[in-house]
PDB file of N, CA and C in Angstrom:
ATOM      1  N   MET A   1      32.511  74.959 -76.520  1.00  0.00           N
ATOM      2  CA  MET A   1      33.273  75.826 -75.629  1.00  0.00           C
ATOM      3  C   MET A   1      32.774  75.697 -74.192  1.00  0.00           C
ATOM      4  N   GLY A   2      31.471  75.608 -73.997  1.00  0.00           N
ATOM      5  CA  GLY A   2      30.914  75.510 -72.656  1.00  0.00           C
ATOM      6  C   GLY A   2      31.310  74.212 -71.968  1.00  0.00           C
ATOM      7  N   TYR A   3      31.417  73.132 -72.778  1.00  0.00           N
ATOM      8  CA  TYR A   3      31.783  71.832 -72.209  1.00  0.00           C
ATOM      9  C   TYR A   3      33.218  71.858 -71.674  1.00  0.00           C
ATOM     10  N   VAL A   4      34.134  72.456 -72.419  1.00  0.00           N
ATOM     11  CA  VAL A   4      35.543  72.531 -72.016  1.00  0.00           C
ATOM     12  C   VAL A   4      35.680  73.352 -70.740  1.00  0.00           C
ATOM     13  N   LEU A   5      34.961  74.472 -70.688  1.00  0.00           N
ATOM     14  CA  LEU A   5      35.011  75.317 -69.500  1.00  0.00           C
ATOM     15  C   LEU A   5      34.459  74.576 -68.284  1.00  0.00           C
ATOM     16  N   ARG A   6      33.385  73.840 -68.492  1.00  0.00           N
ATOM     17  CA  ARG A   6      32.782  73.077 -67.402  1.00  0.00           C
ATOM     18  C   ARG A   6      33.751  71.999 -66.884  1.00  0.00           C
ATOM     19  N   VAL A   7      34.409  71.321 -67.797  1.00  0.00           N
ATOM     20  CA  VAL A   7      35.363  70.277 -67.403  1.00  0.00           C
ATOM     21  C   VAL A   7      36.550  70.891 -66.673  1.00  0.00           C
ATOM     22  N   ARG A   8      37.019  72.022 -67.167  1.00  0.00           N
ATOM     23  CA  ARG A   8      38.166  72.674 -66.518  1.00  0.00           C
ATOM     24  C   ARG A   8      37.802  73.153 -65.115  1.00  0.00           C
ATOM     25  N   LEU A   9      36.626  73.719 -64.950  1.00  0.00           N
ATOM     26  CA  LEU A   9      36.186  74.164 -63.632  1.00  0.00           C
ATOM     27  C   LEU A   9      36.002  72.977 -62.688  1.00  0.00           C
ATOM     28  N   ALA A  10      35.419  71.912 -63.199  1.00  0.00           N
ATOM     29  CA  ALA A  10      35.220  70.723 -62.367  1.00  0.00           C
ATOM     30  C   ALA A  10      36.556  70.146 -61.922  1.00  0.00           C
ATOM     31  N   SER A  11      37.515  70.075 -62.817  1.00  0.00           N
ATOM     32  CA  SER A  11      38.816  69.524 -62.445  1.00  0.00           C
ATOM     33  C   SER A  11      39.554  70.460 -61.475  1.00  0.00           C
ATOM     34  N   PHE A  12      39.379  71.778 -61.662  1.00  0.00           N
ATOM     35  CA  PHE A  12      39.998  72.733 -60.746  1.00  0.00           C
ATOM     36  C   PHE A  12      39.440  72.562 -59.337  1.00  0.00           C
ATOM     37  N   PHE A  13      38.114  72.499 -59.211  1.00  0.00           N
ATOM     38  CA  PHE A  13      37.516  72.357 -57.888  1.00  0.00           C
ATOM     39  C   PHE A  13      37.794  70.989 -57.272  1.00  0.00           C
ATOM     40  N   THR A  14      37.918  69.971 -58.091  1.00  0.00           N
ATOM     41  CA  THR A  14      38.292  68.647 -57.580  1.00  0.00           C
ATOM     42  C   THR A  14      39.716  68.686 -57.020  1.00  0.00           C
ATOM     43  N   GLY A  15      40.601  69.333 -57.732  1.00  0.00           N
ATOM     44  CA  GLY A  15      41.988  69.466 -57.254  1.00  0.00           C
ATOM     45  C   GLY A  15      42.076  70.294 -55.980  1.00  0.00           C
ATOM     46  N   ALA A  16      41.292  71.369 -55.930  1.00  0.00           N
ATOM     47  CA  ALA A  16      41.294  72.214 -54.732  1.00  0.00           C
ATOM     48  C   ALA A  16      40.739  71.449 -53.533  1.00  0.00           C
ATOM     49  N   ALA A  17      39.690  70.671 -53.747  1.00  0.00           N
ATOM     50  CA  ALA A  17      39.118  69.882 -52.650  1.00  0.00           C
ATOM     51  C   ALA A  17      40.100  68.815 -52.183  1.00  0.00           C
ATOM     52  N   THR A  18      40.793  68.189 -53.112  1.00  0.00           N
ATOM     53  CA  THR A  18      41.782  67.168 -52.756  1.00  0.00           C
ATOM     54  C   THR A  18      42.933  67.781 -51.967  1.00  0.00           C
ATOM     55  N   ALA A  19      43.428  68.934 -52.407  1.00  0.00           N
ATOM     56  CA  ALA A  19      44.514  69.611 -51.693  1.00  0.00           C
ATOM     57  C   ALA A  19      44.058  70.047 -50.308  1.00  0.00           C
ATOM     58  N   SER A  20      42.835  70.519 -50.193  1.00  0.00           N
ATOM     59  CA  SER A  20      42.302  70.930 -48.894  1.00  0.00           C
ATOM     60  C   SER A  20      42.193  69.737 -47.954  1.00  0.00           C
ATOM     61  N   PHE A  21      41.687  68.620 -48.471  1.00  0.00           N
ATOM     62  CA  PHE A  21      41.576  67.412 -47.658  1.00  0.00           C
ATOM     63  C   PHE A  21      42.951  66.940 -47.193  1.00  0.00           C
ATOM     64  N   ALA A  22      43.927  66.952 -48.100  1.00  0.00           N
ATOM     65  CA  ALA A  22      45.278  66.516 -47.740  1.00  0.00           C
ATOM     66  C   ALA A  22      45.873  67.427 -46.668  1.00  0.00           C
ATOM     67  N   GLY A  23      45.680  68.737 -46.817  1.00  0.00           N
ATOM     68  CA  GLY A  23      46.207  69.673 -45.822  1.00  0.00           C
ATOM     69  C   GLY A  23      45.558  69.490 -44.466  1.00  0.00           C
ATOM     70  N   LEU A  24      44.241  69.321 -44.458  1.00  0.00           N
ATOM     71  CA  LEU A  24      43.549  69.111 -43.186  1.00  0.00           C
ATOM     72  C   LEU A  24      43.954  67.784 -42.543  1.00  0.00           C
ATOM     73  N   TYR A  25      44.170  66.767 -43.362  1.00  0.00           N
ATOM     74  CA  TYR A  25      44.610  65.476 -42.830  1.00  0.00           C
ATOM     75  C   TYR A  25      45.982  65.596 -42.173  1.00  0.00           C
ATOM     76  N   ILE A  26      46.890  66.300 -42.819  1.00  0.00           N
ATOM     77  CA  ILE A  26      48.239  66.478 -42.267  1.00  0.00           C
ATOM     78  C   ILE A  26      48.183  67.287 -40.977  1.00  0.00           C
ATOM     79  N   LEU A  27      47.373  68.350 -40.945  1.00  0.00           N
ATOM     80  CA  LEU A  27      47.241  69.143 -39.721  1.00  0.00           C
ATOM     81  C   LEU A  27      46.624  68.335 -38.589  1.00  0.00           C
ATOM     82  N   HIS A  28      45.619  67.527 -38.910  1.00  0.00           N
ATOM     83  CA  HIS A  28      44.975  66.702 -37.893  1.00  0.00           C
ATOM     84  C   HIS A  28      45.945  65.668 -37.331  1.00  0.00           C
ATOM     85  N   ARG A  29      46.721  65.050 -38.204  1.00  0.00           N
ATOM     86  CA  ARG A  29      47.708  64.058 -37.764  1.00  0.00           C
ATOM     87  C   ARG A  29      48.782  64.714 -36.883  1.00  0.00           C
ATOM     88  N   ASP A  30      49.220  65.913 -37.257  1.00  0.00           N
ATOM     89  CA  ASP A  30      50.205  66.636 -36.470  1.00  0.00           C
ATOM     90  C   ASP A  30      49.641  67.010 -35.104  1.00  0.00           C
ATOM     91  N   TYR A  31      48.379  67.427 -35.069  1.00  0.00           N
ATOM     92  CA  TYR A  31      47.728  67.767 -33.803  1.00  0.00           C
ATOM     93  C   TYR A  31      47.627  66.540 -32.901  1.00  0.00           C
ATOM     94  N   LYS A  32      47.243  65.398 -33.463  1.00  0.00           N
ATOM     95  CA  LYS A  32      47.125  64.176 -32.672  1.00  0.00           C
ATOM     96  C   LYS A  32      48.485  63.752 -32.119  1.00  0.00           C
ATOM     97  N   LEU A  33      49.540  63.882 -32.932  1.00  0.00           N
ATOM     98  CA  LEU A  33      50.883  63.509 -32.485  1.00  0.00           C
ATOM     99  C   LEU A  33      51.346  64.423 -31.351  1.00  0.00           C
ATOM    100  N   ALA A  34      51.100  65.730 -31.473  1.00  0.00           N
ATOM    101  CA  ALA A  34      51.494  66.665 -30.420  1.00  0.00           C
ATOM    102  C   ALA A  34      50.704  66.400 -29.143  1.00  0.00           C
ATOM    103  N   HIS A  35      49.425  66.126 -29.266  1.00  0.00           N
ATOM    104  CA  HIS A  35      48.591  65.848 -28.094  1.00  0.00           C
ATOM    105  C   HIS A  35      49.048  64.570 -27.401  1.00  0.00           C
ATOM    106  N   GLN A  36      49.370  63.549 -28.181  1.00  0.00           N
ATOM    107  CA  GLN A  36      49.846  62.289 -27.610  1.00  0.00           C
ATOM    108  C   GLN A  36      51.182  62.488 -26.901  1.00  0.00           C
ATOM    109  N   SER A  37      52.060  63.280 -27.479  1.00  0.00           N
ATOM    110  CA  SER A  37      53.361  63.534 -26.872  1.00  0.00           C
ATOM    111  C   SER A  37      53.216  64.280 -25.549  1.00  0.00           C
ATOM    112  N   LEU A  38      52.354  65.309 -25.527  1.00  0.00           N
ATOM    113  CA  LEU A  38      52.153  66.058 -24.289  1.00  0.00           C
ATOM    114  C   LEU A  38      51.488  65.187 -23.225  1.00  0.00           C
ATOM    115  N   THR A  39      50.556  64.351 -23.623  1.00  0.00           N
ATOM    116  CA  THR A  39      49.887  63.469 -22.673  1.00  0.00           C
ATOM    117  C   THR A  39      50.870  62.474 -22.081  1.00  0.00           C
ATOM    118  N   GLN A  40      51.713  61.907 -22.933  1.00  0.00           N
ATOM    119  CA  GLN A  40      52.696  60.930 -22.459  1.00  0.00           C
ATOM    120  C   GLN A  40      53.698  61.592 -21.514  1.00  0.00           C
ATOM    121  N   GLN A  41      54.113  62.815 -21.833  1.00  0.00           N
ATOM    122  CA  GLN A  41      55.044  63.531 -20.973  1.00  0.00           C
ATOM    123  C   GLN A  41      54.392  63.832 -19.631  1.00  0.00           C
ATOM    124  N   GLY A  42      53.137  64.243 -19.654  1.00  0.00           N
ATOM    125  CA  GLY A  42      52.420  64.526 -18.415  1.00  0.00           C
ATOM    126  C   GLY A  42      52.230  63.279 -17.581  1.00  0.00           C
ATOM    127  N   MET A  43      51.968  62.151 -18.223  1.00  0.00           N
ATOM    128  CA  MET A  43      51.780  60.902 -17.494  1.00  0.00           C
ATOM    129  C   MET A  43      53.083  60.451 -16.839  1.00  0.00           C
ATOM    130  N   SER A  44      54.215  60.644 -17.512  1.00  0.00           N
ATOM    131  CA  SER A  44      55.482  60.241 -16.911  1.00  0.00           C
ATOM    132  C   SER A  44      55.791  61.125 -15.697  1.00  0.00           C
ATOM    133  N   GLN A  45      55.461  62.412 -15.781  1.00  0.00           N
ATOM    134  CA  GLN A  45      55.666  63.288 -14.630  1.00  0.00           C
ATOM    135  C   GLN A  45      54.722  62.909 -13.497  1.00  0.00           C
ATOM    136  N   LEU A  46      53.507  62.542 -13.825  1.00  0.00           N
ATOM    137  CA  LEU A  46      52.550  62.122 -12.817  1.00  0.00           C
ATOM    138  C   LEU A  46      53.018  60.847 -12.131  1.00  0.00           C
ATOM    139  N   LYS A  47      53.578  59.913 -12.889  1.00  0.00           N
ATOM    140  CA  LYS A  47      54.099  58.672 -12.307  1.00  0.00           C
ATOM    141  C   LYS A  47      55.235  58.972 -11.332  1.00  0.00           C
ATOM    142  N   GLU A  48      56.102  59.926 -11.694  1.00  0.00           N
ATOM    143  CA  GLU A  48      57.197  60.292 -10.796  1.00  0.00           C
ATOM    144  C   GLU A  48      56.662  60.897  -9.499  1.00  0.00           C
ATOM    145  N   ILE A  49      55.659  61.752  -9.599  1.00  0.00           N
ATOM    146  CA  ILE A  49      55.087  62.380  -8.408  1.00  0.00           C
ATOM    147  C   ILE A  49      54.445  61.332  -7.513  1.00  0.00           C
ATOM    148  N   VAL A  50      53.691  60.414  -8.111  1.00  0.00           N
ATOM    149  CA  VAL A  50      53.042  59.359  -7.332  1.00  0.00           C
ATOM    150  C   VAL A  50      54.091  58.479  -6.666  1.00  0.00           C
ATOM    151  N   TYR A  51      55.180  58.193  -7.359  1.00  0.00           N
ATOM    152  CA  TYR A  51      56.239  57.364  -6.786  1.00  0.00           C
ATOM    153  C   TYR A  51      56.896  58.064  -5.602  1.00  0.00           C
ATOM    154  N   VAL A  52      57.142  59.355  -5.713  1.00  0.00           N
ATOM    155  CA  VAL A  52      57.742  60.108  -4.604  1.00  0.00           C
ATOM    156  C   VAL A  52      56.792  60.132  -3.413  1.00  0.00           C
ATOM    157  N   VAL A  53      55.516  60.320  -3.664  1.00  0.00           N
ATOM    158  CA  VAL A  53      54.536  60.309  -2.577  1.00  0.00           C
ATOM    159  C   VAL A  53      54.481  58.934  -1.936  1.00  0.00           C
ATOM    160  N   TYR A  54      54.536  57.884  -2.746  1.00  0.00           N
ATOM    161  CA  TYR A  54      54.522  56.515  -2.230  1.00  0.00           C
ATOM    162  C   TYR A  54      55.745  56.261  -1.347  1.00  0.00           C
ATOM    163  N   LEU A  55      56.909  56.718  -1.793  1.00  0.00           N
ATOM    164  CA  LEU A  55      58.109  56.539  -0.975  1.00  0.00           C
ATOM    165  C   LEU A  55      57.992  57.305   0.329  1.00  0.00           C
ATOM    166  N   GLY A  56      57.367  58.467   0.282  1.00  0.00           N
ATOM    167  CA  GLY A  56      57.164  59.249   1.497  1.00  0.00           C
ATOM    168  C   GLY A  56      56.228  58.551   2.464  1.00  0.00           C
ATOM    169  N   LEU A  57      55.233  57.861   1.958  1.00  0.00           N
ATOM    170  CA  LEU A  57      54.315  57.128   2.823  1.00  0.00           C
ATOM    171  C   LEU A  57      54.938  55.846   3.363  1.00  0.00           C
ATOM    172  N   GLU A  58      55.862  55.283   2.596  1.00  0.00           N
ATOM    173  CA  GLU A  58      56.468  54.019   2.981  1.00  0.00           C
ATOM    174  C   GLU A  58      57.473  54.167   4.123  1.00  0.00           C
ATOM    175  N   THR A  59      58.173  55.282   4.175  1.00  0.00           N
ATOM    176  CA  THR A  59      59.178  55.481   5.205  1.00  0.00           C
ATOM    177  C   THR A  59      58.504  55.838   6.518  1.00  0.00           C
ATOM    178  N   PRO A  60      59.015  55.324   7.609  1.00  0.00           N
ATOM    179  CA  PRO A  60      58.392  55.649   8.904  1.00  0.00           C
ATOM    180  C   PRO A  60      58.660  57.112   9.265  1.00  0.00           C
ATOM    181  N   PRO A  61      57.730  57.726   9.959  1.00  0.00           N
ATOM    182  CA  PRO A  61      57.932  59.131  10.338  1.00  0.00           C
ATOM    183  C   PRO A  61      59.050  59.246  11.377  1.00  0.00           C
ATOM    184  N   ILE A  62      59.769  60.346  11.313  1.00  0.00           N
ATOM    185  CA  ILE A  62      60.857  60.595  12.263  1.00  0.00           C
ATOM    186  C   ILE A  62      60.282  61.344  13.449  1.00  0.00           C
ATOM    187  N   SER A  63      60.482  60.779  14.599  1.00  0.00           N
ATOM    188  CA  SER A  63      59.950  61.409  15.789  1.00  0.00           C
ATOM    189  C   SER A  63      60.982  62.369  16.357  1.00  0.00           C
ATOM    190  N   ILE A  64      60.557  63.555  16.697  1.00  0.00           N
ATOM    191  CA  ILE A  64      61.467  64.563  17.249  1.00  0.00           C
ATOM    192  C   ILE A  64      61.733  64.283  18.733  1.00  0.00           C
ATOM    193  N   LEU A  65      60.797  63.657  19.410  1.00  0.00           N
ATOM    194  CA  LEU A  65      60.926  63.435  20.844  1.00  0.00           C
ATOM    195  C   LEU A  65      61.875  62.314  21.200  1.00  0.00           C
ATOM    196  N   VAL A  66      62.224  61.451  20.292  1.00  0.00           N
ATOM    197  CA  VAL A  66      63.071  60.294  20.623  1.00  0.00           C
ATOM    198  C   VAL A  66      64.506  60.660  20.747  1.00  0.00           C
TER     199      VAL A  66
END
């Protein structure tokens, strides 16, 4: 009787550990995907800002006195 109980407990805890690992893996992957998406979105906005600043530097200043 003790052997069966021991095997059942071991298999239960093995299953619980496997399910926990799978859940943490899925959450970690989701977090990495969200972080990558936000970073990429921020980088595209940064590129647009830098481009606008570059265009502003490229154009000659307008003189009011002329």
